[in-house]
Amino acid sequence: MGITDKVWSAFTSVIKLEDKVNRQSEAMKSQQQKIEDLTGRVIRLEAQLELLTGVALLKRLKND
């Protein structure tokens, strides 16, 4: 294996590694977006739960 083959092999390895890094980066961005969406949903659910809990407490106090 000549020096040209070694250099070519090194270049192809770097290109493959860069492709893997780019794919991982895109996957991470996608996962981050999903996490942010789920966080927003949980926040909305918590707010609804607090409101419903407050209403239930007021009704209970009113009836007692």
C-alpha atoms as a PDB file:
ATOM      1  CA  MET A   1       0.000   0.000   0.000  1.00  0.00           C
ATOM      2  CA  GLY A   2       1.548   3.230  -1.142  1.00  0.00           C
ATOM      3  CA  ILE A   3       1.442   6.592   0.520  1.00  0.00           C
ATOM      4  CA  THR A   4      -1.296   7.741  -1.868  1.00  0.00           C
ATOM      5  CA  ASP A   5      -3.505   4.859  -0.756  1.00  0.00           C
ATOM      6  CA  LYS A   6      -2.883   5.673   2.901  1.00  0.00           C
ATOM      7  CA  VAL A   7      -3.708   9.340   2.379  1.00  0.00           C
ATOM      8  CA  TRP A   8      -6.828   8.435   0.398  1.00  0.00           C
ATOM      9  CA  SER A   9      -7.907   6.019   3.122  1.00  0.00           C
ATOM     10  CA  ALA A  10      -7.397   8.721   5.763  1.00  0.00           C
ATOM     11  CA  PHE A  11      -9.468  11.220   3.742  1.00  0.00           C
ATOM     12  CA  THR A  12     -12.311   8.752   3.266  1.00  0.00           C
ATOM     13  CA  SER A  13     -12.255   7.942   6.985  1.00  0.00           C
ATOM     14  CA  VAL A  14     -12.507  11.631   7.837  1.00  0.00           C
ATOM     15  CA  ILE A  15     -15.386  12.097   5.389  1.00  0.00           C
ATOM     16  CA  LYS A  16     -17.229   9.098   6.848  1.00  0.00           C
ATOM     17  CA  LEU A  17     -16.659  10.408  10.370  1.00  0.00           C
ATOM     18  CA  GLU A  18     -17.951  13.848   9.396  1.00  0.00           C
ATOM     19  CA  ASP A  19     -21.071  12.257   7.913  1.00  0.00           C
ATOM     20  CA  LYS A  20     -21.692  10.326  11.126  1.00  0.00           C
ATOM     21  CA  VAL A  21     -21.242  13.476  13.204  1.00  0.00           C
ATOM     22  CA  ASN A  22     -23.665  15.380  10.964  1.00  0.00           C
ATOM     23  CA  ARG A  23     -26.279  12.607  11.233  1.00  0.00           C
ATOM     24  CA  GLN A  24     -25.899  12.521  15.014  1.00  0.00           C
ATOM     25  CA  SER A  25     -26.268  16.292  15.147  1.00  0.00           C
ATOM     26  CA  GLU A  26     -29.514  16.159  13.155  1.00  0.00           C
ATOM     27  CA  ALA A  27     -30.820  13.343  15.345  1.00  0.00           C
ATOM     28  CA  MET A  28     -29.977  15.354  18.452  1.00  0.00           C
ATOM     29  CA  LYS A  29     -31.809  18.417  17.090  1.00  0.00           C
ATOM     30  CA  SER A  30     -34.851  16.283  16.393  1.00  0.00           C
ATOM     31  CA  GLN A  31     -34.778  14.779  19.879  1.00  0.00           C
ATOM     32  CA  GLN A  32     -34.381  18.234  21.438  1.00  0.00           C
ATOM     33  CA  GLN A  33     -37.464  19.463  19.565  1.00  0.00           C
ATOM     34  CA  LYS A  34     -39.457  16.470  20.793  1.00  0.00           C
ATOM     35  CA  ILE A  35     -38.326  17.140  24.370  1.00  0.00           C
ATOM     36  CA  GLU A  36     -39.338  20.793  24.093  1.00  0.00           C
ATOM     37  CA  ASP A  37     -42.757  19.816  22.719  1.00  0.00           C
ATOM     38  CA  LEU A  38     -43.301  17.337  25.548  1.00  0.00           C
ATOM     39  CA  THR A  39     -42.184  19.913  28.107  1.00  0.00           C
ATOM     40  CA  GLY A  40     -44.792  22.348  26.778  1.00  0.00           C
ATOM     41  CA  ARG A  41     -47.484  19.683  27.001  1.00  0.00           C
ATOM     42  CA  VAL A  42     -46.534  18.848  30.590  1.00  0.00           C
ATOM     43  CA  ILE A  43     -46.644  22.532  31.540  1.00  0.00           C
ATOM     44  CA  ARG A  44     -50.133  22.856  30.063  1.00  0.00           C
ATOM     45  CA  LEU A  45     -51.287  19.713  31.874  1.00  0.00           C
ATOM     46  CA  GLU A  46     -49.894  21.006  35.162  1.00  0.00           C
ATOM     47  CA  ALA A  47     -51.712  24.308  34.703  1.00  0.00           C
ATOM     48  CA  GLN A  48     -54.993  22.533  33.964  1.00  0.00           C
ATOM     49  CA  LEU A  49     -54.546  20.272  36.979  1.00  0.00           C
ATOM     50  CA  GLU A  50     -53.906  23.244  39.248  1.00  0.00           C
ATOM     51  CA  LEU A  51     -56.984  25.043  37.925  1.00  0.00           C
ATOM     52  CA  LEU A  52     -59.206  21.981  38.315  1.00  0.00           C
ATOM     53  CA  THR A  53     -57.841  21.307  41.784  1.00  0.00           C
ATOM     54  CA  GLY A  54     -58.573  24.902  42.755  1.00  0.00           C
ATOM     55  CA  VAL A  55     -62.122  24.717  41.384  1.00  0.00           C
ATOM     56  CA  ALA A  56     -62.747  21.424  43.199  1.00  0.00           C
ATOM     57  CA  LEU A  57     -61.471  22.932  46.437  1.00  0.00           C
ATOM     58  CA  LEU A  58     -63.696  25.998  46.052  1.00  0.00           C
ATOM     59  CA  LYS A  59     -66.744  23.806  45.371  1.00  0.00           C
ATOM     60  CA  ARG A  60     -65.951  21.689  48.399  1.00  0.00           C
ATOM     61  CA  LEU A  61     -65.564  24.741  50.637  1.00  0.00           C
ATOM     62  CA  LYS A  62     -68.771  26.214  49.248  1.00  0.00           C
ATOM     63  CA  ASN A  63     -70.740  23.030  49.975  1.00  0.00           C
ATOM     64  CA  ASP A  64     -69.422  22.656  53.529  1.00  0.00           C
END
